Amino acid sequence: MSNVININFQDTIISQWEEAVDKKSAEKTLAFKYFNGNKEDLNNYLFPRDSIAAGKSTFCFSNCQQLELL
């Protein structure tokens, strides 16, 4: 018997973006749902660049829950 456990870490935001047919509507919806309406933060999350990721400090919501659970 194998001791290997396969865990599927699926990112909800990325999977919703990839499954979307209308990308403009999906962009607005995801930005509103997960990033308080900020499309720039959504684009930085979906398409990270080293210069942006290094310059931004990390943040946490007041209750520090996962974005999918909010």
N, C-alpha and C. Protein backbone atom coordinates (compact mmCIF):
# COMPACT_ATOMS: atom_id res chain seq x y z
N MET A 1 0.84 -1.18 0.00
CA MET A 1 0.00 0.00 0.00
C MET A 1 0.89 1.24 0.00
N SER A 2 0.47 2.24 -0.75
CA SER A 2 1.24 3.46 -0.90
C SER A 2 0.85 4.48 0.17
N ASN A 3 1.84 5.21 0.65
CA ASN A 3 1.60 6.26 1.64
C ASN A 3 1.43 7.64 0.99
N VAL A 4 1.34 7.68 -0.33
CA VAL A 4 1.22 8.95 -1.04
C VAL A 4 -0.23 9.39 -1.03
N ILE A 5 -0.42 10.65 -0.67
CA ILE A 5 -1.75 11.25 -0.65
C ILE A 5 -1.77 12.37 -1.69
N ASN A 6 -2.69 12.31 -2.61
CA ASN A 6 -2.83 13.36 -3.62
C ASN A 6 -3.86 14.37 -3.14
N ILE A 7 -3.43 15.63 -3.04
CA ILE A 7 -4.31 16.71 -2.63
C ILE A 7 -4.46 17.65 -3.82
N ASN A 8 -5.68 17.97 -4.17
CA ASN A 8 -5.94 18.86 -5.28
C ASN A 8 -6.17 20.27 -4.74
N PHE A 9 -5.17 21.13 -4.91
CA PHE A 9 -5.29 22.52 -4.50
C PHE A 9 -5.78 23.32 -5.70
N GLN A 10 -7.06 23.54 -5.77
CA GLN A 10 -7.63 24.26 -6.89
C GLN A 10 -7.98 25.66 -6.45
N ASP A 11 -7.46 26.64 -7.15
CA ASP A 11 -7.73 28.03 -6.84
C ASP A 11 -9.08 28.42 -7.44
N THR A 12 -10.00 28.82 -6.61
CA THR A 12 -11.36 29.15 -7.05
C THR A 12 -11.37 30.32 -8.01
N ILE A 13 -10.60 31.34 -7.73
CA ILE A 13 -10.59 32.53 -8.57
C ILE A 13 -10.08 32.20 -9.97
N ILE A 14 -8.97 31.49 -10.03
CA ILE A 14 -8.39 31.14 -11.32
C ILE A 14 -9.29 30.18 -12.09
N SER A 15 -9.89 29.22 -11.41
CA SER A 15 -10.77 28.29 -12.12
C SER A 15 -12.02 29.01 -12.65
N GLN A 16 -12.56 29.96 -11.90
CA GLN A 16 -13.71 30.72 -12.40
C GLN A 16 -13.32 31.57 -13.60
N TRP A 17 -12.11 32.13 -13.58
CA TRP A 17 -11.63 32.94 -14.71
C TRP A 17 -11.46 32.07 -15.96
N GLU A 18 -10.88 30.89 -15.78
CA GLU A 18 -10.63 30.01 -16.92
C GLU A 18 -11.92 29.46 -17.51
N GLU A 19 -12.94 29.25 -16.68
CA GLU A 19 -14.21 28.70 -17.16
C GLU A 19 -15.14 29.76 -17.75
N ALA A 20 -14.82 31.02 -17.57
CA ALA A 20 -15.71 32.10 -18.02
C ALA A 20 -15.71 32.20 -19.54
N VAL A 21 -16.90 32.42 -20.09
CA VAL A 21 -17.03 32.63 -21.52
C VAL A 21 -16.86 34.11 -21.83
N ASP A 22 -17.51 34.96 -21.06
CA ASP A 22 -17.41 36.41 -21.22
C ASP A 22 -16.39 36.94 -20.21
N LYS A 23 -15.18 37.18 -20.68
CA LYS A 23 -14.08 37.56 -19.78
C LYS A 23 -14.29 38.93 -19.15
N LYS A 24 -14.89 39.88 -19.89
CA LYS A 24 -15.12 41.21 -19.31
C LYS A 24 -16.09 41.14 -18.14
N SER A 25 -17.16 40.39 -18.30
CA SER A 25 -18.12 40.23 -17.20
C SER A 25 -17.50 39.47 -16.04
N ALA A 26 -16.72 38.45 -16.35
CA ALA A 26 -16.06 37.67 -15.30
C ALA A 26 -15.07 38.54 -14.54
N GLU A 27 -14.38 39.41 -15.27
CA GLU A 27 -13.41 40.31 -14.61
C GLU A 27 -14.13 41.21 -13.61
N LYS A 28 -15.25 41.78 -14.01
CA LYS A 28 -16.00 42.66 -13.10
C LYS A 28 -16.54 41.89 -11.90
N THR A 29 -17.07 40.70 -12.17
CA THR A 29 -17.65 39.90 -11.10
C THR A 29 -16.60 39.45 -10.09
N LEU A 30 -15.48 38.93 -10.58
CA LEU A 30 -14.42 38.46 -9.69
C LEU A 30 -13.79 39.60 -8.91
N ALA A 31 -13.60 40.74 -9.56
CA ALA A 31 -13.04 41.90 -8.87
C ALA A 31 -13.97 42.35 -7.74
N PHE A 32 -15.27 42.36 -8.02
CA PHE A 32 -16.24 42.75 -6.99
C PHE A 32 -16.30 41.72 -5.87
N LYS A 33 -16.30 40.45 -6.23
CA LYS A 33 -16.49 39.38 -5.25
C LYS A 33 -15.29 39.19 -4.33
N TYR A 34 -14.08 39.28 -4.88
CA TYR A 34 -12.89 38.94 -4.10
C TYR A 34 -11.95 40.10 -3.80
N PHE A 35 -12.03 41.19 -4.58
CA PHE A 35 -11.04 42.26 -4.44
C PHE A 35 -11.68 43.63 -4.23
N ASN A 36 -12.86 43.65 -3.66
CA ASN A 36 -13.55 44.90 -3.32
C ASN A 36 -13.69 45.81 -4.55
N GLY A 37 -13.91 45.19 -5.71
CA GLY A 37 -14.13 45.94 -6.94
C GLY A 37 -12.88 46.44 -7.62
N ASN A 38 -11.71 46.09 -7.12
CA ASN A 38 -10.45 46.58 -7.68
C ASN A 38 -9.96 45.63 -8.79
N LYS A 39 -10.14 46.05 -10.05
CA LYS A 39 -9.73 45.22 -11.19
C LYS A 39 -8.20 45.08 -11.28
N GLU A 40 -7.50 46.11 -10.85
CA GLU A 40 -6.03 46.05 -10.91
C GLU A 40 -5.49 44.95 -9.99
N ASP A 41 -6.05 44.83 -8.80
CA ASP A 41 -5.63 43.77 -7.89
C ASP A 41 -5.97 42.39 -8.45
N LEU A 42 -7.14 42.28 -9.10
CA LEU A 42 -7.51 41.02 -9.74
C LEU A 42 -6.52 40.66 -10.83
N ASN A 43 -6.18 41.61 -11.68
CA ASN A 43 -5.22 41.35 -12.76
C ASN A 43 -3.84 41.00 -12.21
N ASN A 44 -3.44 41.63 -11.12
CA ASN A 44 -2.16 41.29 -10.49
C ASN A 44 -2.20 39.88 -9.91
N TYR A 45 -3.36 39.45 -9.45
CA TYR A 45 -3.51 38.11 -8.90
C TYR A 45 -3.51 37.07 -10.01
N LEU A 46 -4.25 37.35 -11.08
CA LEU A 46 -4.35 36.39 -12.18
C LEU A 46 -3.08 36.32 -13.02
N PHE A 47 -2.44 37.46 -13.21
CA PHE A 47 -1.25 37.55 -14.07
C PHE A 47 -0.13 38.23 -13.29
N PRO A 48 0.47 37.53 -12.33
CA PRO A 48 1.49 38.16 -11.47
C PRO A 48 2.76 38.50 -12.26
N ARG A 49 3.32 39.62 -11.90
CA ARG A 49 4.62 40.03 -12.42
C ARG A 49 5.52 40.24 -11.21
N ASP A 50 6.77 39.92 -11.36
CA ASP A 50 7.71 40.01 -10.23
C ASP A 50 7.83 41.43 -9.70
N SER A 51 7.82 42.41 -10.57
CA SER A 51 7.99 43.79 -10.12
C SER A 51 6.81 44.25 -9.27
N ILE A 52 5.60 43.81 -9.61
CA ILE A 52 4.42 44.21 -8.83
C ILE A 52 4.35 43.42 -7.54
N ALA A 53 4.60 42.12 -7.61
CA ALA A 53 4.49 41.28 -6.42
C ALA A 53 5.53 41.68 -5.37
N ALA A 54 6.71 42.07 -5.80
CA ALA A 54 7.75 42.45 -4.84
C ALA A 54 7.45 43.80 -4.21
N GLY A 55 6.82 44.70 -4.96
CA GLY A 55 6.57 46.04 -4.45
C GLY A 55 5.40 46.12 -3.50
N LYS A 56 4.48 45.20 -3.59
CA LYS A 56 3.29 45.25 -2.73
C LYS A 56 3.54 44.51 -1.43
N SER A 57 3.01 45.06 -0.38
CA SER A 57 3.09 44.36 0.90
C SER A 57 1.88 43.45 1.03
N THR A 58 2.01 42.43 1.81
CA THR A 58 0.89 41.51 2.00
C THR A 58 -0.15 42.16 2.89
N PHE A 59 -1.38 41.73 2.75
CA PHE A 59 -2.46 42.29 3.55
C PHE A 59 -3.33 41.16 4.05
N CYS A 60 -4.14 41.48 5.02
CA CYS A 60 -5.05 40.51 5.58
C CYS A 60 -6.34 41.23 5.92
N PHE A 61 -7.47 40.60 5.60
CA PHE A 61 -8.74 41.17 5.99
C PHE A 61 -8.85 41.13 7.51
N SER A 62 -9.79 41.86 8.04
CA SER A 62 -9.90 41.97 9.49
C SER A 62 -10.08 40.61 10.16
N ASN A 63 -10.74 39.67 9.48
CA ASN A 63 -10.92 38.36 10.10
C ASN A 63 -9.97 37.31 9.51
N CYS A 64 -9.14 37.68 8.55
CA CYS A 64 -8.09 36.83 7.99
C CYS A 64 -8.60 35.46 7.53
N GLN A 65 -9.70 35.46 6.81
CA GLN A 65 -10.21 34.21 6.26
C GLN A 65 -9.71 34.05 4.83
N GLN A 66 -9.86 32.84 4.30
CA GLN A 66 -9.53 32.62 2.91
C GLN A 66 -10.51 33.39 2.04
N LEU A 67 -10.05 33.85 0.88
CA LEU A 67 -10.90 34.63 0.00
C LEU A 67 -12.13 33.84 -0.44
N GLU A 68 -11.98 32.54 -0.64
CA GLU A 68 -13.10 31.72 -1.09
C GLU A 68 -14.21 31.64 -0.06
N LEU A 69 -13.88 31.87 1.21
CA LEU A 69 -14.85 31.72 2.28
C LEU A 69 -15.59 33.00 2.61
N LEU A 70 -15.18 34.10 2.03
CA LEU A 70 -15.82 35.38 2.35
C LEU A 70 -17.13 35.51 1.63
